[in-house]
Protein backbone atom coordinates (compact mmCIF):
# COMPACT_ATOMS: atom_id res chain seq x y z
CA MET A 1 2.17 -16.38 -13.81
CA ASN A 2 4.20 -13.92 -12.19
CA SER A 3 5.61 -11.79 -14.82
CA ASP A 4 1.73 -11.75 -15.83
CA LEU A 5 0.60 -10.22 -12.95
CA LYS A 6 3.29 -7.60 -12.55
CA GLN A 7 2.60 -6.51 -16.15
CA THR A 8 -1.04 -6.53 -15.37
CA VAL A 9 -0.38 -4.21 -12.08
CA ARG A 10 2.25 -1.82 -13.81
CA GLU A 11 -0.34 -0.94 -16.68
CA LYS A 12 -3.44 -0.58 -14.37
CA TYR A 13 -1.52 1.81 -11.89
CA ALA A 14 0.10 3.52 -15.52
CA GLU A 15 -3.24 4.38 -16.24
CA ALA A 16 -4.59 5.35 -12.87
CA ALA A 17 -1.42 8.06 -12.96
CA LEU A 18 -2.06 9.22 -16.53
CA ARG A 19 -6.04 9.82 -15.53
CA VAL A 20 -4.75 12.08 -12.80
CA SER A 21 -2.44 14.10 -14.97
CA THR A 22 -5.16 14.36 -18.01
CA GLU A 23 -8.54 14.45 -16.04
CA GLY A 24 -7.82 15.45 -12.39
CA LYS A 25 -9.15 11.93 -11.30
CA THR A 26 -8.92 7.87 -10.83
CA SER A 27 -11.42 5.81 -10.44
CA CYS A 28 -11.67 2.16 -9.38
CA CYS A 29 -14.33 1.72 -11.29
CA SER A 30 -12.72 2.52 -14.71
CA THR A 31 -9.10 1.00 -13.84
CA THR A 32 -9.91 -1.69 -11.64
CA CYS A 33 -7.17 -0.80 -9.04
CA CYS A 34 -7.88 0.70 -5.58
CA GLY A 35 -8.89 4.16 -5.78
CA GLY A 36 -11.78 6.56 -6.40
CA THR A 37 -13.87 8.62 -4.12
CA ASP A 38 -16.30 6.41 -4.15
CA ASP A 39 -14.35 2.93 -3.36
CA PRO A 40 -15.41 1.57 -0.41
CA ILE A 41 -10.98 0.75 0.34
CA THR A 42 -9.61 4.02 -0.03
CA SER A 43 -12.21 6.73 0.74
CA ASN A 44 -11.81 9.14 3.77
CA LEU A 45 -8.37 7.69 5.04
CA TYR A 46 -6.50 11.70 5.54
CA SER A 47 -7.54 14.05 7.93
CA ASP A 48 -8.42 17.60 6.84
CA GLY A 49 -5.02 18.81 8.29
CA GLU A 50 -3.21 16.26 6.35
CA ALA A 51 -5.11 17.05 3.24
CA ALA A 52 -4.62 20.44 3.30
CA THR A 53 -0.83 20.28 3.68
CA LEU A 54 -0.52 18.21 -0.05
CA PRO A 55 -0.95 18.97 -3.44
CA ARG A 56 -4.53 18.21 -4.91
CA GLU A 57 -3.13 15.22 -7.42
CA ALA A 58 -1.18 13.73 -4.47
CA LEU A 59 -4.61 13.47 -2.93
CA VAL A 60 -6.76 11.86 -5.84
CA ALA A 61 -4.15 9.50 -6.96
CA SER A 62 -4.12 8.18 -3.66
CA LEU A 63 -5.00 4.13 -4.28
CA GLY A 64 -4.67 2.82 -0.60
CA CYS A 65 -6.27 1.45 2.27
CA GLY A 66 -5.38 3.16 4.97
CA ASN A 67 -2.83 5.92 6.86
CA PRO A 68 0.30 3.80 7.52
CA THR A 69 2.42 7.43 8.35
CA ALA A 70 -0.29 7.58 11.21
CA LEU A 71 0.55 4.01 12.17
CA ALA A 72 4.18 3.81 12.12
CA GLU A 73 4.42 7.36 14.85
CA LEU A 74 7.23 8.31 12.75
CA GLY A 75 10.08 10.55 14.67
CA ALA A 76 12.05 13.31 13.90
CA GLY A 77 15.03 12.40 11.98
CA GLU A 78 13.97 8.86 11.24
CA THR A 79 14.67 7.44 7.74
CA VAL A 80 11.04 5.81 6.23
CA LEU A 81 10.71 3.51 2.89
CA ASP A 82 7.27 3.31 1.76
CA LEU A 83 6.76 0.24 -0.79
CA GLY A 84 4.56 1.35 -3.69
CA SER A 85 4.47 4.87 -3.43
CA GLY A 86 2.31 5.39 -6.11
CA GLY A 87 1.50 9.15 -6.60
CA GLY A 88 3.73 10.00 -3.21
CA ILE A 89 0.86 10.94 -0.49
CA ASP A 90 2.09 8.88 1.93
CA VAL A 91 6.10 9.74 1.20
CA LEU A 92 5.12 13.29 1.29
CA LEU A 93 3.60 13.23 4.89
CA SER A 94 6.12 10.91 6.09
CA ALA A 95 9.07 13.23 5.24
CA ARG A 96 6.87 16.46 7.42
CA ARG A 97 6.57 13.91 10.11
CA VAL A 98 10.56 12.98 10.17
CA GLY A 99 11.57 16.66 9.66
CA PRO A 100 14.56 18.30 7.86
CA HIS A 101 17.06 15.51 9.45
CA GLY A 102 15.20 12.70 8.72
CA LYS A 103 14.84 11.21 4.88
CA ALA A 104 11.32 9.37 3.15
CA TYR A 105 12.01 7.25 0.04
CA GLY A 106 9.28 6.02 -2.10
CA LEU A 107 9.62 2.97 -4.33
CA ASP A 108 7.49 2.09 -7.00
CA MET A 109 8.11 0.09 -10.72
CA THR A 110 5.86 2.36 -12.57
CA ASP A 111 7.02 5.24 -14.77
CA GLU A 112 3.96 7.43 -14.79
CA MET A 113 3.68 7.19 -11.02
CA LEU A 114 6.96 7.96 -10.33
CA GLU A 115 6.63 10.81 -12.47
CA LEU A 116 3.49 12.08 -10.64
CA ALA A 117 5.02 11.67 -7.48
CA ARG A 118 7.78 13.58 -8.46
CA ARG A 119 5.81 16.55 -9.60
CA ASN A 120 3.71 16.46 -6.24
CA GLN A 121 7.00 16.62 -4.50
CA ARG A 122 7.51 19.75 -6.35
CA ALA A 123 4.30 21.53 -5.66
CA ALA A 124 4.66 20.33 -2.28
CA GLY A 125 7.99 22.06 -1.77
CA VAL A 126 9.29 18.89 0.18
CA GLN A 127 13.12 18.30 -0.07
CA ASN A 128 13.79 15.23 2.19
CA VAL A 129 12.58 13.08 0.02
CA ASP A 130 13.83 10.58 -2.97
CA PHE A 131 11.63 8.35 -5.31
CA LEU A 132 13.01 5.34 -6.67
CA LYS A 133 12.29 2.79 -9.30
CA GLY A 134 11.91 -0.50 -8.61
CA ASP A 135 10.56 -3.85 -7.28
CA ILE A 136 9.29 -4.36 -3.84
CA GLU A 137 10.12 -8.06 -4.38
CA ALA A 138 14.21 -6.41 -5.08
CA ILE A 139 14.24 -3.35 -3.20
CA PRO A 140 17.26 -1.21 -4.25
CA LEU A 141 18.61 0.03 -0.81
CA PRO A 142 21.53 -1.41 1.68
CA ASP A 143 21.09 -3.89 4.83
CA ASN A 144 19.95 -2.21 7.69
CA SER A 145 19.35 1.44 6.20
CA VAL A 146 16.12 2.59 7.24
CA ASP A 147 14.31 2.90 10.57
CA VAL A 148 10.53 2.30 9.24
CA VAL A 149 9.11 0.43 6.30
CA ILE A 150 5.58 1.13 5.34
CA SER A 151 3.22 0.51 2.56
CA ASN A 152 -0.32 1.28 1.75
CA CYS A 153 -2.49 -1.69 -0.12
CA VAL A 154 0.40 -2.68 -1.98
CA ILE A 155 2.14 -5.65 -0.52
CA ASN A 156 -1.32 -7.96 -1.66
CA LEU A 157 -0.58 -7.14 -5.11
CA ALA A 158 2.97 -8.84 -5.44
CA ALA A 159 3.17 -12.09 -6.62
CA ASP A 160 5.69 -13.24 -4.08
CA LYS A 161 4.42 -11.54 -0.80
CA LYS A 162 7.14 -13.62 1.30
CA ARG A 163 9.94 -12.07 -0.69
CA VAL A 164 8.64 -8.70 0.03
CA LEU A 165 8.55 -9.45 3.28
CA ALA A 166 11.94 -10.89 3.50
CA GLU A 167 13.27 -7.58 1.56
CA ALA A 168 11.50 -5.20 4.10
CA LEU A 169 13.40 -6.97 7.09
CA ARG A 170 16.67 -6.99 5.10
CA VAL A 171 16.58 -3.08 4.81
CA LEU A 172 15.63 -2.12 8.42
CA LYS A 173 18.08 -1.37 10.83
CA PRO A 174 18.07 -3.12 14.04
CA GLY A 175 14.90 -2.71 15.94
CA GLY A 176 13.26 -1.06 12.82
CA ARG A 177 9.49 -1.27 12.15
CA PHE A 178 6.93 -2.41 9.90
CA ALA A 179 3.77 -0.64 9.82
CA VAL A 180 1.62 -0.91 7.09
CA SER A 181 -2.07 -1.05 5.69
CA ASP A 182 -3.13 -3.66 3.59
CA VAL A 183 -6.05 -6.06 2.64
CA VAL A 184 -6.42 -9.05 4.47
CA VAL A 185 -8.90 -12.03 4.11
CA ARG A 186 -10.63 -13.66 6.87
CA GLY A 187 -11.55 -17.28 5.90
CA GLU A 188 -12.01 -18.54 2.39
CA LEU A 189 -12.81 -16.29 -0.67
CA PRO A 190 -14.92 -18.09 -3.57
CA GLU A 191 -12.54 -19.57 -6.14
CA PRO A 192 -13.64 -17.52 -8.73
CA LEU A 193 -12.42 -14.18 -6.91
CA ARG A 194 -8.80 -15.98 -6.38
CA ARG A 195 -8.60 -16.46 -10.23
CA SER A 196 -9.65 -13.05 -11.06
CA MET A 197 -6.93 -10.80 -12.55
CA GLU A 198 -8.65 -7.66 -12.79
CA LEU A 199 -9.82 -8.46 -8.93
CA TRP A 200 -6.26 -8.66 -7.90
CA VAL A 201 -4.89 -5.56 -9.69
CA GLY A 202 -8.04 -4.16 -7.33
CA CYS A 203 -6.66 -5.25 -3.92
CA VAL A 204 -8.79 -8.24 -3.14
CA ALA A 205 -7.83 -11.34 -5.00
CA GLY A 206 -4.16 -11.44 -3.70
CA ALA A 207 -4.54 -10.56 -0.22
CA LEU A 208 -3.27 -12.95 2.33
CA GLY A 209 -4.95 -14.32 5.09
CA GLU A 210 -5.30 -13.39 8.60
CA GLN A 211 -3.09 -16.18 9.95
CA GLU A 212 -0.79 -16.93 6.71
CA TYR A 213 0.39 -13.19 7.00
CA ARG A 214 1.30 -13.23 10.56
CA ASP A 215 3.12 -16.79 9.72
CA TYR A 216 5.16 -15.17 6.48
CA LEU A 217 6.29 -12.21 8.80
CA GLU A 218 7.27 -14.58 11.43
CA GLN A 219 9.33 -16.94 9.09
CA VAL A 220 11.21 -14.41 7.62
CA GLY A 221 12.21 -12.91 10.94
CA PHE A 222 9.87 -10.23 12.28
CA GLU A 223 8.65 -10.62 15.55
CA HIS A 224 5.76 -8.66 17.67
CA VAL A 225 3.65 -9.27 14.80
CA SER A 226 0.19 -7.55 15.01
CA ILE A 227 -2.98 -7.38 12.70
CA GLU A 228 -5.58 -4.63 13.60
CA PRO A 229 -8.91 -4.37 11.23
CA THR A 230 -9.63 -1.10 10.08
CA ARG A 231 -12.32 -2.07 7.82
CA VAL A 232 -14.40 -4.95 7.57
CA TYR A 233 -15.99 -4.50 3.90
CA GLN A 234 -19.87 -5.77 3.96
CA VAL A 235 -22.48 -6.47 1.37
CA ASP A 236 -22.46 -3.46 -0.63
CA ASP A 237 -19.03 -3.36 -0.62
CA ALA A 238 -18.52 -6.76 -2.01
CA ARG A 239 -21.31 -5.45 -4.70
CA SER A 240 -18.71 -2.93 -5.76
CA PHE A 241 -15.78 -5.21 -5.62
CA LEU A 242 -17.87 -7.85 -8.01
CA GLU A 243 -18.87 -5.06 -10.40
CA ALA A 244 -15.38 -3.85 -10.75
CA SER A 245 -14.20 -7.68 -12.17
CA GLY A 246 -17.38 -8.59 -14.01
CA LEU A 247 -18.06 -11.21 -11.63
CA GLU A 248 -21.45 -9.68 -10.49
CA GLY A 249 -24.09 -12.31 -11.19
CA GLN A 250 -21.77 -15.22 -11.26
CA LEU A 251 -21.10 -14.96 -7.19
CA PRO A 252 -23.94 -13.45 -4.84
CA ALA A 253 -22.08 -10.62 -2.81
CA THR A 254 -23.12 -12.29 0.44
CA GLU A 255 -20.38 -15.18 0.08
CA VAL A 256 -17.56 -11.90 -0.18
CA ALA A 257 -19.47 -10.16 2.58
CA GLY A 258 -17.48 -10.15 5.96
CA ARG A 259 -14.27 -11.71 4.66
CA VAL A 260 -12.21 -9.18 3.52
CA MET A 261 -10.84 -6.21 4.95
CA SER A 262 -8.43 -3.70 5.45
CA ALA A 263 -5.94 -3.67 8.42
CA PHE A 264 -2.68 -2.08 10.15
CA VAL A 265 -0.12 -4.77 9.95
CA ARG A 266 2.89 -4.37 13.06
CA ALA A 267 6.01 -6.05 13.73
CA ARG A 268 9.42 -5.31 14.37
CA LYS A 269 12.96 -6.76 13.30
CA PRO A 270 15.04 -8.17 16.34
CA GLY A 271 17.76 -5.84 17.74
CA ILE A 272 18.08 -2.22 19.45
CA SER A 273 16.53 0.71 18.16
CA GLY A 274 16.25 4.30 19.15
CA GLY A 275 13.33 4.93 17.46
CA ASN A 276 9.62 4.96 18.71
CA SER A 277 7.61 1.86 19.11
């Protein structure tokens, strides 16, 4: 199951990257991954000022559910790691925030996304960035090497989320910050949604419950855990999720409405840090 899920995620996000490269757009409805101007999860996440500093392809390829670069309150000189960096939008924004003496890493397992991200880096003229190929369940960086871990609607796609969180803790310096945007579930989702691979790739079916997320973070060793809802998806949004997975007509949208939300998830690695809180 884990390998099948990983392959499905890789294929769908590769398709999304290729659509950006060949057509100049991506779409949640056509690729069944988070993304697209009409997607209730991904729309209107970045300010006009942030958008003005980025290549168009970085904006079009944004498949997230929040703006973790704003959430993390990045400081000059810090080292940042973006888990599942996609087309690179949050890495490029982070690189500008940490300045020339800081560093921003992007980690992604999809060759097509990495190619797109590196092209966006060249177009943006940003130097303090390194895009790495790898798995968020086995981060290719040393222990205690980054100040901040960010991610944007990716951890919910992982088959072994607890391992991802443990890896994030490992690479953070003592006192380092975990500051991600993710999809989180309140209450129980109907079982057909949980079984749907298409909706898992679309950021819904694989989402952790709110208390489960807290428990996992604390179990691997994080402290000061908080989860702040930013968007709670209602009936019209739920209808879009169901249409994307072919479940429309099998489940009423009212069974999903109010149970799925985008949230800022924050935590800290125990220890002393000279960075921001």
